[in-house]
Protein backbone atom coordinates (compact mmCIF):
# COMPACT_ATOMS: atom_id res chain seq x y z
CA MET A 1 1.41 -5.49 -6.68
CA PRO A 2 -2.44 -5.08 -5.56
CA ALA A 3 -3.59 -3.45 -2.40
CA LEU A 4 -3.63 -5.01 1.04
CA ASP A 5 -6.81 -5.98 2.25
CA GLU A 6 -8.47 -5.70 5.99
CA GLY A 7 -9.52 -9.23 6.70
CA THR A 8 -6.01 -10.73 6.68
CA PRO A 9 -3.12 -10.38 8.50
CA LEU A 10 -0.95 -7.96 6.16
CA PHE A 11 2.54 -10.03 6.85
CA VAL A 12 0.13 -12.97 5.28
CA GLN A 13 -1.08 -11.00 2.27
CA ILE A 14 2.73 -10.10 1.42
CA VAL A 15 3.68 -13.80 1.73
CA GLU A 16 0.50 -14.67 -0.46
CA GLN A 17 1.60 -11.83 -3.16
CA LEU A 18 5.25 -12.93 -3.29
CA ALA A 19 4.21 -16.50 -3.60
CA ASP A 20 1.67 -15.37 -6.58
CA ASP A 21 3.95 -13.85 -8.30
CA SER A 22 6.45 -16.88 -8.17
CA VAL A 23 4.08 -19.23 -9.38
CA ALA A 24 2.79 -16.70 -12.09
CA ASP A 25 7.13 -16.47 -12.88
CA VAL A 26 6.56 -12.83 -12.51
CA LEU A 27 9.15 -13.14 -9.91
CA ALA A 28 11.51 -15.67 -11.75
CA GLU A 29 13.53 -18.36 -9.64
CA GLY A 30 16.64 -16.39 -9.13
CA ALA A 31 15.08 -13.08 -9.43
CA ARG A 32 15.65 -10.33 -6.76
CA ALA A 33 12.80 -10.23 -4.49
CA PRO A 34 11.29 -6.63 -3.27
CA SER A 35 13.35 -5.73 0.13
CA THR A 36 11.33 -5.28 3.53
CA ASN A 37 12.00 -1.79 3.06
CA GLU A 38 10.92 -1.79 -0.33
CA LEU A 39 7.37 -3.48 0.68
CA ALA A 40 7.18 -1.25 3.73
CA ALA A 41 7.25 1.87 1.62
CA PHE A 42 4.81 0.34 -1.12
CA TYR A 43 2.33 -0.84 1.07
CA ARG A 44 2.74 2.02 3.79
CA ILE A 45 3.31 -0.28 6.22
CA ASN A 46 5.90 -1.17 9.22
CA PRO A 47 8.98 -2.81 7.93
CA ALA A 48 8.89 -5.19 10.46
CA THR A 49 5.41 -6.50 9.54
CA ALA A 50 6.82 -6.90 5.76
CA ALA A 51 10.16 -8.66 7.34
CA LYS A 52 7.70 -11.14 9.07
CA GLY A 53 6.06 -12.15 5.51
CA ILE A 54 9.77 -12.28 4.18
CA ILE A 55 11.14 -14.39 6.86
CA LEU A 56 7.99 -17.05 6.21
CA LEU A 57 9.18 -17.30 2.59
CA VAL A 58 12.61 -17.68 3.56
CA ASP A 59 11.80 -20.44 6.38
CA GLY A 60 9.94 -21.78 3.25
CA ALA A 61 12.53 -22.13 1.15
CA VAL A 62 11.00 -19.91 -1.44
CA LEU A 63 13.19 -17.06 -1.11
CA GLU A 64 16.78 -17.21 -0.09
CA LYS A 65 19.04 -14.42 1.60
CA ARG A 66 22.36 -13.44 -0.13
CA ARG A 67 24.37 -11.70 2.32
CA GLY A 68 25.11 -7.79 1.37
CA ILE A 69 22.83 -8.29 -1.71
CA GLY A 70 19.15 -8.98 -0.72
CA MET A 71 16.50 -11.61 -0.95
CA PHE A 72 15.94 -13.61 -4.26
CA VAL A 73 13.67 -16.21 -5.20
CA ALA A 74 15.13 -19.80 -4.63
CA VAL A 75 15.87 -22.23 -7.04
CA GLY A 76 12.77 -24.76 -7.18
CA ALA A 77 10.52 -22.27 -5.41
CA ARG A 78 8.12 -22.20 -8.12
CA GLU A 79 7.48 -25.80 -8.48
CA GLN A 80 7.63 -26.36 -4.42
CA LEU A 81 4.72 -23.67 -4.39
CA ARG A 82 2.84 -25.31 -7.42
CA ALA A 83 3.30 -28.83 -5.16
CA ARG A 84 1.71 -26.90 -2.16
CA ARG A 85 -1.01 -25.64 -4.03
CA ARG A 86 -2.19 -28.34 -6.16
CA GLU A 87 -2.64 -30.21 -2.48
CA GLN A 88 -4.26 -27.38 -1.52
CA PHE A 89 -6.80 -27.21 -4.37
CA ALA A 90 -7.67 -30.89 -3.85
CA GLU A 91 -8.33 -30.51 -0.35
CA GLN A 92 -10.43 -27.48 -1.14
CA TYR A 93 -12.31 -28.03 -4.19
CA LEU A 94 -11.77 -31.83 -5.43
CA ASP A 95 -12.61 -33.70 -2.21
CA PRO A 96 -15.88 -31.73 -1.43
CA MET A 97 -16.68 -32.44 -5.12
CA LEU A 98 -15.90 -35.90 -5.40
CA ALA A 99 -17.81 -36.44 -2.16
CA GLU A 100 -20.97 -34.50 -3.57
CA ALA A 101 -20.68 -36.78 -6.89
CA GLY A 102 -20.73 -39.55 -5.02
CA ARG A 103 -24.02 -38.78 -3.18
CA LEU A 104 -25.46 -37.56 -6.51
CA GLY A 105 -24.42 -41.13 -7.77
CA ILE A 106 -22.09 -39.65 -10.28
CA ASP A 107 -19.37 -41.83 -10.94
CA THR A 108 -15.52 -40.90 -12.05
CA ASP A 109 -15.91 -41.11 -15.80
CA ALA A 110 -19.12 -39.04 -15.86
CA LEU A 111 -17.49 -36.62 -13.48
CA VAL A 112 -14.38 -36.27 -16.00
CA SER A 113 -16.97 -35.99 -19.05
CA LEU A 114 -18.72 -33.09 -17.22
CA ILE A 115 -15.48 -31.29 -16.63
CA ARG A 116 -14.27 -31.67 -20.08
CA GLU A 117 -18.21 -30.44 -21.44
CA ILE A 118 -17.65 -27.53 -19.29
CA ARG A 119 -14.12 -26.62 -20.04
CA LEU A 120 -15.03 -26.84 -23.90
CA ALA A 121 -17.80 -24.52 -23.40
CA LYS A 122 -15.96 -21.96 -21.53
CA ARG A 123 -13.44 -21.88 -24.49
CA ARG A 124 -16.21 -21.76 -26.96
CA GLN A 125 -17.33 -18.53 -24.83
CA ASP A 126 -14.05 -16.77 -24.62
CA ILE A 127 -13.60 -17.24 -28.62
CA MET A 128 -16.79 -15.95 -29.51
CA THR A 129 -16.05 -13.23 -26.93
CA ARG A 130 -12.78 -12.27 -28.48
CA ARG A 131 -14.38 -12.53 -31.91
CA SER A 132 -17.28 -10.09 -30.73
CA ARG A 133 -14.52 -7.50 -29.65
CA HIS A 134 -12.36 -7.74 -32.70
CA ILE A 135 -15.79 -6.96 -34.70
CA HIS A 136 -16.74 -4.15 -32.44
CA ARG A 137 -13.27 -2.62 -32.66
CA LEU A 138 -13.53 -2.88 -36.79
CA GLU A 139 -17.00 -1.19 -36.47
CA THR A 140 -15.93 1.87 -34.37
CA PRO A 141 -16.06 4.93 -36.29
CA HIS A 142 -12.47 5.67 -35.71
CA ASN A 143 -11.56 2.43 -37.86
CA ALA A 144 -14.02 3.19 -40.22
CA THR A 145 -12.49 6.58 -40.99
CA CYS A 146 -8.75 4.81 -40.94
CA ALA A 147 -9.99 2.16 -43.31
CA ARG A 148 -11.18 5.00 -45.72
CA ALA A 149 -8.18 7.01 -46.00
């Protein structure tokens, strides 16, 4: 788990981190989630602060309590979080992008083409970066010595 920052309430950061872990399938559905005491010890925060974040996740049906056992990621939590994040993504990024595209006279087909071009260029760049790293590894003295042996 990453370090917490000073700008956002700690309990909110805990909610976001556990939600991120669920979306990324680091915490799979049915998996045991960290306890409030584990979170408090890890982040060196008050257990009540950690509990506040856990309670929000339970209320949001992301985590479920199993009496005497602990907290677990609820079945359907990943898809629920992804659906919520898709809505937030649309509001935060797509709505403003579509408004600006409209102001610039970019129609939907042109916008989709532009997105595809950018995505393709990014993929090509990633491939070139991986090839460059691979070639660099092959050219290092250690590998050259190993190759001669």
